[in-house]
Amino acid sequence: MSAAEIQLWIYARPDRSISIEERHARFVENMMQIGPPLGYQGMVPPPTPDCGSGLIAAFSAKYPIRGLKCFGDYKYRGERYVWQDRASFDEHLRFRFFLSNKTLNYQDVIKEQFPPIVEAFGGYRALVDYDYHDTNYTGGFKRNNEVYNALVADKSLNVDSRNFIYSLHPAQFWDAELCRRALGFGPDEVIRRLKDVAVLARPFMDGVYLVLNDDPNLTYEEFFEMNERIKPMLGLNYGRPKMVS
């Protein structure tokens, strides 16, 4: 069994009309309807967090499954704190586990368990990060992706995750607004273009949920190939980066 690290990320646009207390209560209520391994059914849910003297209210959930971690955060609601339409102002929910954990079935998690959690948190974007392949792909860990660096440096582009898609992941969710901003078309067109190449491409909430690779032993080379083959189908023609591993 692979020792790869898996992270599930959910990003939500904050809503100042809903207090942190109400936001968390709704989230917990939703999660209590979802069973194990990721749901809170049968668990003691995390209490409502507060910002203290900072701008983020963070919480964590304690699961009975050893090695399964869950962290979340909400943004400060004060009227004088000016939010911007940028991903740095998102609220987050993150899960972390290793594929060597035999109590978690990777394929079931990304196909069945993850989507209802995205809905419970109210995400506009979500992704499955497989063993930091995406970090390598975008030139992290002291690698160099000249294509991505040029996009970031181009002042005419808004390379922000609320508006822009660069990497494809083994599984991901994009809401309708993100599809329109980043792709120029809606979820139905995403499904039409990818239905014959995706493991799963279906309408979800007001957007689209995609599983592009469900192999629990996904190599970086396969991740790279997946991106370079499927991105052009979505019009994401940014140029081919060098293979970094």
C-alpha atoms as a PDB file:
ATOM      1  CA  MET A   1       0.000   0.000   0.000  1.00  0.00           C
ATOM      2  CA  SER A   2       1.293   3.413  -0.977  1.00  0.00           C
ATOM      3  CA  ALA A   3       2.400   5.789   1.791  1.00  0.00           C
ATOM      4  CA  ALA A   4       1.287   8.775  -0.274  1.00  0.00           C
ATOM      5  CA  GLU A   5      -0.192  11.695   1.648  1.00  0.00           C
ATOM      6  CA  ILE A   6      -3.697  12.757   0.623  1.00  0.00           C
ATOM      7  CA  GLN A   7      -5.223  16.142   1.374  1.00  0.00           C
ATOM      8  CA  LEU A   8      -8.794  17.124   0.623  1.00  0.00           C
ATOM      9  CA  TRP A   9      -9.258  20.880   0.354  1.00  0.00           C
ATOM     10  CA  ILE A  10     -12.531  22.817   0.305  1.00  0.00           C
ATOM     11  CA  TYR A  11     -12.647  26.586  -0.258  1.00  0.00           C
ATOM     12  CA  ALA A  12     -15.670  28.771   0.491  1.00  0.00           C
ATOM     13  CA  ARG A  13     -16.410  32.442  -0.093  1.00  0.00           C
ATOM     14  CA  PRO A  14     -17.278  33.972   3.293  1.00  0.00           C
ATOM     15  CA  ASP A  15     -20.673  35.551   3.893  1.00  0.00           C
ATOM     16  CA  ARG A  16     -20.694  38.463   6.324  1.00  0.00           C
ATOM     17  CA  SER A  17     -24.483  38.216   6.754  1.00  0.00           C
ATOM     18  CA  ILE A  18     -23.944  34.933   8.623  1.00  0.00           C
ATOM     19  CA  SER A  19     -22.098  35.070  11.945  1.00  0.00           C
ATOM     20  CA  ILE A  20     -19.319  32.596  12.671  1.00  0.00           C
ATOM     21  CA  GLU A  21     -21.589  30.979  15.275  1.00  0.00           C
ATOM     22  CA  GLU A  22     -24.388  30.474  12.743  1.00  0.00           C
ATOM     23  CA  ARG A  23     -21.948  29.440  10.005  1.00  0.00           C
ATOM     24  CA  HIS A  24     -20.431  26.759  12.209  1.00  0.00           C
ATOM     25  CA  ALA A  25     -23.792  25.556  13.515  1.00  0.00           C
ATOM     26  CA  ARG A  26     -25.044  25.001   9.955  1.00  0.00           C
ATOM     27  CA  PHE A  27     -21.841  23.207   8.992  1.00  0.00           C
ATOM     28  CA  VAL A  28     -21.969  20.905  12.026  1.00  0.00           C
ATOM     29  CA  GLU A  29     -25.665  20.161  11.448  1.00  0.00           C
ATOM     30  CA  ASN A  30     -24.868  19.127   7.890  1.00  0.00           C
ATOM     31  CA  MET A  31     -21.867  17.047   8.925  1.00  0.00           C
ATOM     32  CA  MET A  32     -23.862  15.210  11.593  1.00  0.00           C
ATOM     33  CA  GLN A  33     -26.008  13.819   8.769  1.00  0.00           C
ATOM     34  CA  ILE A  34     -22.948  12.313   7.053  1.00  0.00           C
ATOM     35  CA  GLY A  35     -21.567   8.992   8.220  1.00  0.00           C
ATOM     36  CA  PRO A  36     -17.986   7.810   8.636  1.00  0.00           C
ATOM     37  CA  PRO A  37     -15.245   8.085   7.770  1.00  0.00           C
ATOM     38  CA  LEU A  38     -15.381  11.829   7.029  1.00  0.00           C
ATOM     39  CA  GLY A  39     -18.764  12.815   8.449  1.00  0.00           C
ATOM     40  CA  TYR A  40     -19.445  13.719  12.079  1.00  0.00           C
ATOM     41  CA  GLN A  41     -22.239  11.204  12.604  1.00  0.00           C
ATOM     42  CA  GLY A  42     -21.638   9.449  15.938  1.00  0.00           C
ATOM     43  CA  MET A  43     -18.877  11.909  16.893  1.00  0.00           C
ATOM     44  CA  VAL A  44     -18.552  14.827  19.241  1.00  0.00           C
ATOM     45  CA  PRO A  45     -18.389  17.761  16.779  1.00  0.00           C
ATOM     46  CA  PRO A  46     -15.838  20.557  17.161  1.00  0.00           C
ATOM     47  CA  PRO A  47     -17.111  23.513  19.211  1.00  0.00           C
ATOM     48  CA  THR A  48     -17.661  26.907  17.646  1.00  0.00           C
ATOM     49  CA  PRO A  49     -14.301  28.672  17.259  1.00  0.00           C
ATOM     50  CA  ASP A  50     -13.639  32.371  17.722  1.00  0.00           C
ATOM     51  CA  CYS A  51     -11.118  34.747  16.250  1.00  0.00           C
ATOM     52  CA  GLY A  52      -9.641  35.851  19.560  1.00  0.00           C
ATOM     53  CA  SER A  53      -7.383  38.770  18.737  1.00  0.00           C
ATOM     54  CA  GLY A  54      -6.867  37.631  15.144  1.00  0.00           C
ATOM     55  CA  LEU A  55      -8.788  37.538  11.874  1.00  0.00           C
ATOM     56  CA  ILE A  56      -9.343  33.775  11.607  1.00  0.00           C
ATOM     57  CA  ALA A  57     -11.455  31.426  13.731  1.00  0.00           C
ATOM     58  CA  ALA A  58      -9.877  27.975  13.440  1.00  0.00           C
ATOM     59  CA  PHE A  59     -11.162  24.575  14.543  1.00  0.00           C
ATOM     60  CA  SER A  60     -10.220  20.917  14.287  1.00  0.00           C
ATOM     61  CA  ALA A  61     -12.200  17.685  14.538  1.00  0.00           C
ATOM     62  CA  LYS A  62     -11.118  14.630  16.479  1.00  0.00           C
ATOM     63  CA  TYR A  63     -11.944  11.436  14.591  1.00  0.00           C
ATOM     64  CA  PRO A  64     -11.983   7.897  15.986  1.00  0.00           C
ATOM     65  CA  ILE A  65      -9.895   6.877  12.956  1.00  0.00           C
ATOM     66  CA  ARG A  66      -6.236   7.200  13.792  1.00  0.00           C
ATOM     67  CA  GLY A  67      -4.330   9.327  11.303  1.00  0.00           C
ATOM     68  CA  LEU A  68      -7.383  11.138   9.883  1.00  0.00           C
ATOM     69  CA  LYS A  69      -7.073  14.872  10.511  1.00  0.00           C
ATOM     70  CA  CYS A  70      -9.547  17.665   9.831  1.00  0.00           C
ATOM     71  CA  PHE A  71      -8.966  21.417  10.144  1.00  0.00           C
ATOM     72  CA  GLY A  72     -11.183  24.350   9.273  1.00  0.00           C
ATOM     73  CA  ASP A  73     -11.334  28.118   9.540  1.00  0.00           C
ATOM     74  CA  TYR A  74     -13.697  31.064   9.118  1.00  0.00           C
ATOM     75  CA  LYS A  75     -12.990  34.726   8.432  1.00  0.00           C
ATOM     76  CA  TYR A  76     -13.502  37.547  10.900  1.00  0.00           C
ATOM     77  CA  ARG A  77     -16.916  39.176  10.400  1.00  0.00           C
ATOM     78  CA  GLY A  78     -16.176  42.701  11.641  1.00  0.00           C
ATOM     79  CA  GLU A  79     -17.578  45.392   9.335  1.00  0.00           C
ATOM     80  CA  ARG A  80     -14.349  47.391   9.396  1.00  0.00           C
ATOM     81  CA  TYR A  81     -12.352  44.434   8.044  1.00  0.00           C
ATOM     82  CA  VAL A  82     -12.493  44.823   4.267  1.00  0.00           C
ATOM     83  CA  TRP A  83     -12.805  41.556   2.379  1.00  0.00           C
ATOM     84  CA  GLN A  84     -11.518  41.307  -1.163  1.00  0.00           C
ATOM     85  CA  ASP A  85     -12.638  39.047  -4.002  1.00  0.00           C
ATOM     86  CA  ARG A  86      -9.508  36.971  -3.705  1.00  0.00           C
ATOM     87  CA  ALA A  87      -8.733  33.397  -2.664  1.00  0.00           C
ATOM     88  CA  SER A  88      -6.648  34.676   0.256  1.00  0.00           C
ATOM     89  CA  PHE A  89      -9.971  35.640   1.871  1.00  0.00           C
ATOM     90  CA  ASP A  90     -11.494  32.156   1.493  1.00  0.00           C
ATOM     91  CA  GLU A  91     -12.687  29.975   4.333  1.00  0.00           C
ATOM     92  CA  HIS A  92     -11.216  26.466   4.360  1.00  0.00           C
ATOM     93  CA  LEU A  93     -11.847  22.874   5.333  1.00  0.00           C
ATOM     94  CA  ARG A  94      -8.971  20.407   4.979  1.00  0.00           C
ATOM     95  CA  PHE A  95      -8.648  16.678   5.574  1.00  0.00           C
ATOM     96  CA  ARG A  96      -5.361  14.807   5.705  1.00  0.00           C
ATOM     97  CA  PHE A  97      -4.569  11.084   5.729  1.00  0.00           C
ATOM     98  CA  PHE A  98      -2.142   8.581   4.251  1.00  0.00           C
ATOM     99  CA  LEU A  99      -3.018   5.877   1.738  1.00  0.00           C
ATOM    100  CA  SER A 100      -1.384   3.339   4.018  1.00  0.00           C
ATOM    101  CA  ASN A 101      -4.361   3.835   6.378  1.00  0.00           C
ATOM    102  CA  LYS A 102      -6.378   0.669   5.728  1.00  0.00           C
ATOM    103  CA  THR A 103      -9.540   2.084   7.320  1.00  0.00           C
ATOM    104  CA  LEU A 104      -9.899   4.603   4.471  1.00  0.00           C
ATOM    105  CA  ASN A 105     -10.708   3.553   0.911  1.00  0.00           C
ATOM    106  CA  TYR A 106      -9.244   6.202  -1.396  1.00  0.00           C
ATOM    107  CA  GLN A 107     -11.566   5.554  -4.318  1.00  0.00           C
ATOM    108  CA  ASP A 108     -14.660   5.614  -2.116  1.00  0.00           C
ATOM    109  CA  VAL A 109     -13.474   8.818  -0.452  1.00  0.00           C
ATOM    110  CA  ILE A 110     -12.978  10.759  -3.685  1.00  0.00           C
ATOM    111  CA  LYS A 111     -16.078   9.409  -5.459  1.00  0.00           C
ATOM    112  CA  GLU A 112     -18.649   9.135  -2.677  1.00  0.00           C
ATOM    113  CA  GLN A 113     -17.494  10.724   0.581  1.00  0.00           C
ATOM    114  CA  PHE A 114     -15.944  13.980  -0.576  1.00  0.00           C
ATOM    115  CA  PRO A 115     -18.853  15.583  -2.506  1.00  0.00           C
ATOM    116  CA  PRO A 116     -21.341  15.708   0.395  1.00  0.00           C
ATOM    117  CA  ILE A 117     -18.634  17.236   2.582  1.00  0.00           C
ATOM    118  CA  VAL A 118     -18.103  19.939  -0.044  1.00  0.00           C
ATOM    119  CA  GLU A 119     -21.823  20.677   0.093  1.00  0.00           C
ATOM    120  CA  ALA A 120     -21.879  20.621   3.894  1.00  0.00           C
ATOM    121  CA  PHE A 121     -19.182  23.308   4.019  1.00  0.00           C
ATOM    122  CA  GLY A 122     -20.656  25.330   1.166  1.00  0.00           C
ATOM    123  CA  GLY A 123     -17.564  25.237  -1.006  1.00  0.00           C
ATOM    124  CA  TYR A 124     -17.176  26.926  -4.376  1.00  0.00           C
ATOM    125  CA  ARG A 125     -13.982  25.015  -5.117  1.00  0.00           C
ATOM    126  CA  ALA A 126     -12.594  21.729  -3.854  1.00  0.00           C
ATOM    127  CA  LEU A 127      -9.767  19.417  -4.793  1.00  0.00           C
ATOM    128  CA  VAL A 128      -7.930  16.230  -3.947  1.00  0.00           C
ATOM    129  CA  ASP A 129      -4.211  16.885  -3.517  1.00  0.00           C
ATOM    130  CA  TYR A 130      -2.304  13.646  -4.125  1.00  0.00           C
ATOM    131  CA  ASP A 131       1.102  13.547  -2.420  1.00  0.00           C
ATOM    132  CA  TYR A 132       2.011  17.154  -3.375  1.00  0.00           C
ATOM    133  CA  HIS A 133       1.988  16.364  -7.107  1.00  0.00           C
ATOM    134  CA  ASP A 134       0.399  19.747  -7.748  1.00  0.00           C
ATOM    135  CA  THR A 135       3.173  21.540  -5.863  1.00  0.00           C
ATOM    136  CA  ASN A 136       5.699  19.850  -8.110  1.00  0.00           C
ATOM    137  CA  TYR A 137       3.654  20.655 -11.198  1.00  0.00           C
ATOM    138  CA  THR A 138       3.487  24.375 -10.456  1.00  0.00           C
ATOM    139  CA  GLY A 139       7.204  24.525  -9.694  1.00  0.00           C
ATOM    140  CA  GLY A 140       7.279  24.202  -5.920  1.00  0.00           C
ATOM    141  CA  PHE A 141       9.884  22.439  -3.799  1.00  0.00           C
ATOM    142  CA  LYS A 142      12.566  24.555  -5.515  1.00  0.00           C
ATOM    143  CA  ARG A 143      11.542  23.255  -8.959  1.00  0.00           C
ATOM    144  CA  ASN A 144      10.947  25.678 -11.785  1.00  0.00           C
ATOM    145  CA  ASN A 145       7.854  25.897 -13.978  1.00  0.00           C
ATOM    146  CA  GLU A 146       8.617  28.734 -16.361  1.00  0.00           C
ATOM    147  CA  VAL A 147       5.127  28.606 -17.901  1.00  0.00           C
ATOM    148  CA  TYR A 148       3.361  29.058 -14.561  1.00  0.00           C
ATOM    149  CA  ASN A 149       5.836  31.711 -13.417  1.00  0.00           C
ATOM    150  CA  ALA A 150       5.176  33.714 -16.584  1.00  0.00           C
ATOM    151  CA  LEU A 151       1.418  33.551 -15.994  1.00  0.00           C
ATOM    152  CA  VAL A 152       1.824  34.811 -12.438  1.00  0.00           C
ATOM    153  CA  ALA A 153       4.087  37.637 -13.640  1.00  0.00           C
ATOM    154  CA  ASP A 154       1.661  38.722 -16.379  1.00  0.00           C
ATOM    155  CA  LYS A 155      -0.139  41.761 -14.932  1.00  0.00           C
ATOM    156  CA  SER A 156      -2.891  41.463 -17.529  1.00  0.00           C
ATOM    157  CA  LEU A 157      -4.011  38.145 -16.012  1.00  0.00           C
ATOM    158  CA  ASN A 158      -5.847  37.573 -12.755  1.00  0.00           C
ATOM    159  CA  VAL A 159      -4.062  34.417 -11.650  1.00  0.00           C
ATOM    160  CA  ASP A 160      -6.116  34.002  -8.498  1.00  0.00           C
ATOM    161  CA  SER A 161      -7.886  30.781  -7.601  1.00  0.00           C
ATOM    162  CA  ARG A 162     -11.287  32.493  -7.539  1.00  0.00           C
ATOM    163  CA  ASN A 163     -10.815  33.337 -11.202  1.00  0.00           C
ATOM    164  CA  PHE A 164      -8.200  30.996 -12.651  1.00  0.00           C
ATOM    165  CA  ILE A 165      -7.565  27.266 -13.067  1.00  0.00           C
ATOM    166  CA  TYR A 166      -4.050  26.054 -13.787  1.00  0.00           C
ATOM    167  CA  SER A 167      -3.813  22.521 -12.384  1.00  0.00           C
ATOM    168  CA  LEU A 168      -6.216  19.640 -12.725  1.00  0.00           C
ATOM    169  CA  HIS A 169      -6.424  17.205  -9.819  1.00  0.00           C
ATOM    170  CA  PRO A 170      -7.438  13.577  -9.420  1.00  0.00           C
ATOM    171  CA  ALA A 171     -10.819  14.943  -8.257  1.00  0.00           C
ATOM    172  CA  GLN A 172     -12.221  18.464  -7.995  1.00  0.00           C
ATOM    173  CA  PHE A 173     -15.354  20.599  -7.724  1.00  0.00           C
ATOM    174  CA  TRP A 174     -15.913  23.949  -9.446  1.00  0.00           C
ATOM    175  CA  ASP A 175     -19.081  25.946  -8.905  1.00  0.00           C
ATOM    176  CA  ALA A 176     -20.823  27.696 -11.794  1.00  0.00           C
ATOM    177  CA  GLU A 177     -19.239  31.066 -11.043  1.00  0.00           C
ATOM    178  CA  LEU A 178     -15.717  29.662 -11.020  1.00  0.00           C
ATOM    179  CA  CYS A 179     -16.409  27.841 -14.290  1.00  0.00           C
ATOM    180  CA  ARG A 180     -17.537  31.068 -15.931  1.00  0.00           C
ATOM    181  CA  ARG A 181     -14.662  33.125 -14.533  1.00  0.00           C
ATOM    182  CA  ALA A 182     -11.870  30.641 -15.225  1.00  0.00           C
ATOM    183  CA  LEU A 183     -13.132  28.828 -18.329  1.00  0.00           C
ATOM    184  CA  GLY A 184     -15.605  31.177 -19.951  1.00  0.00           C
ATOM    185  CA  PHE A 185     -18.398  28.584 -19.974  1.00  0.00           C
ATOM    186  CA  GLY A 186     -20.600  26.732 -17.518  1.00  0.00           C
ATOM    187  CA  PRO A 187     -20.623  23.325 -15.830  1.00  0.00           C
ATOM    188  CA  ASP A 188     -22.720  21.666 -18.558  1.00  0.00           C
ATOM    189  CA  GLU A 189     -20.056  22.467 -21.128  1.00  0.00           C
ATOM    190  CA  VAL A 190     -17.340  21.120 -18.814  1.00  0.00           C
ATOM    191  CA  ILE A 191     -19.246  17.837 -18.612  1.00  0.00           C
ATOM    192  CA  ARG A 192     -19.815  17.735 -22.375  1.00  0.00           C
ATOM    193  CA  ARG A 193     -16.100  18.180 -23.054  1.00  0.00           C
ATOM    194  CA  LEU A 194     -14.834  15.704 -20.457  1.00  0.00           C
ATOM    195  CA  LYS A 195     -17.537  13.024 -20.189  1.00  0.00           C
ATOM    196  CA  ASP A 196     -15.625  10.623 -22.433  1.00  0.00           C
ATOM    197  CA  VAL A 197     -12.256  11.015 -20.676  1.00  0.00           C
ATOM    198  CA  ALA A 198     -13.223  11.476 -17.034  1.00  0.00           C
ATOM    199  CA  VAL A 199     -13.774   8.667 -14.559  1.00  0.00           C
ATOM    200  CA  LEU A 200     -16.693  10.751 -13.288  1.00  0.00           C
ATOM    201  CA  ALA A 201     -18.136  14.033 -14.584  1.00  0.00           C
ATOM    202  CA  ARG A 202     -21.492  15.010 -13.124  1.00  0.00           C
ATOM    203  CA  PRO A 203     -23.536  18.046 -12.130  1.00  0.00           C
ATOM    204  CA  PHE A 204     -23.136  18.835  -8.444  1.00  0.00           C
ATOM    205  CA  MET A 205     -24.741  21.691  -6.528  1.00  0.00           C
ATOM    206  CA  ASP A 206     -24.718  24.463  -9.163  1.00  0.00           C
ATOM    207  CA  GLY A 207     -21.395  23.305 -10.586  1.00  0.00           C
ATOM    208  CA  VAL A 208     -19.527  20.195 -11.671  1.00  0.00           C
ATOM    209  CA  TYR A 209     -17.737  17.404  -9.812  1.00  0.00           C
ATOM    210  CA  LEU A 210     -14.936  15.695 -11.705  1.00  0.00           C
ATOM    211  CA  VAL A 211     -12.875  12.598 -11.016  1.00  0.00           C
ATOM    212  CA  LEU A 212     -10.127  12.450 -13.633  1.00  0.00           C
ATOM    213  CA  ASN A 213      -8.014   9.687 -12.092  1.00  0.00           C
ATOM    214  CA  ASP A 214      -8.951   7.332  -9.254  1.00  0.00           C
ATOM    215  CA  ASP A 215      -5.743   5.285  -9.180  1.00  0.00           C
ATOM    216  CA  PRO A 216      -4.578   5.011  -5.541  1.00  0.00           C
ATOM    217  CA  ASN A 217      -1.011   4.611  -6.840  1.00  0.00           C
ATOM    218  CA  LEU A 218      -0.957   7.715  -9.032  1.00  0.00           C
ATOM    219  CA  THR A 219       2.593   8.620 -10.029  1.00  0.00           C
ATOM    220  CA  TYR A 220       3.769  12.150 -10.689  1.00  0.00           C
ATOM    221  CA  GLU A 221       4.383  11.218 -14.331  1.00  0.00           C
ATOM    222  CA  GLU A 222       0.734  10.128 -14.644  1.00  0.00           C
ATOM    223  CA  PHE A 223      -0.443  13.314 -12.928  1.00  0.00           C
ATOM    224  CA  PHE A 224       1.625  15.377 -15.366  1.00  0.00           C
ATOM    225  CA  GLU A 225       0.276  13.454 -18.371  1.00  0.00           C
ATOM    226  CA  MET A 226      -3.304  13.859 -17.124  1.00  0.00           C
ATOM    227  CA  ASN A 227      -2.897  17.620 -16.960  1.00  0.00           C
ATOM    228  CA  GLU A 228      -1.197  18.007 -20.327  1.00  0.00           C
ATOM    229  CA  ARG A 229      -3.774  15.794 -22.054  1.00  0.00           C
ATOM    230  CA  ILE A 230      -6.995  17.141 -20.509  1.00  0.00           C
ATOM    231  CA  LYS A 231      -6.289  20.856 -19.974  1.00  0.00           C
ATOM    232  CA  PRO A 232      -6.463  21.668 -23.713  1.00  0.00           C
ATOM    233  CA  MET A 233      -9.942  20.090 -23.799  1.00  0.00           C
ATOM    234  CA  LEU A 234     -11.037  22.890 -21.461  1.00  0.00           C
ATOM    235  CA  GLY A 235      -9.237  25.598 -23.395  1.00  0.00           C
ATOM    236  CA  LEU A 236      -6.499  25.840 -20.770  1.00  0.00           C
ATOM    237  CA  ASN A 237      -3.753  26.252 -23.340  1.00  0.00           C
ATOM    238  CA  TYR A 238      -0.982  27.871 -21.341  1.00  0.00           C
ATOM    239  CA  GLY A 239       1.934  26.064 -22.943  1.00  0.00           C
ATOM    240  CA  ARG A 240       3.650  22.867 -21.965  1.00  0.00           C
ATOM    241  CA  PRO A 241       5.885  23.080 -18.892  1.00  0.00           C
ATOM    242  CA  LYS A 242       9.025  21.018 -18.570  1.00  0.00           C
ATOM    243  CA  MET A 243       8.643  17.721 -16.743  1.00  0.00           C
ATOM    244  CA  VAL A 244       9.670  18.277 -13.116  1.00  0.00           C
ATOM    245  CA  SER A 245       9.725  15.466 -10.610  1.00  0.00           C
END
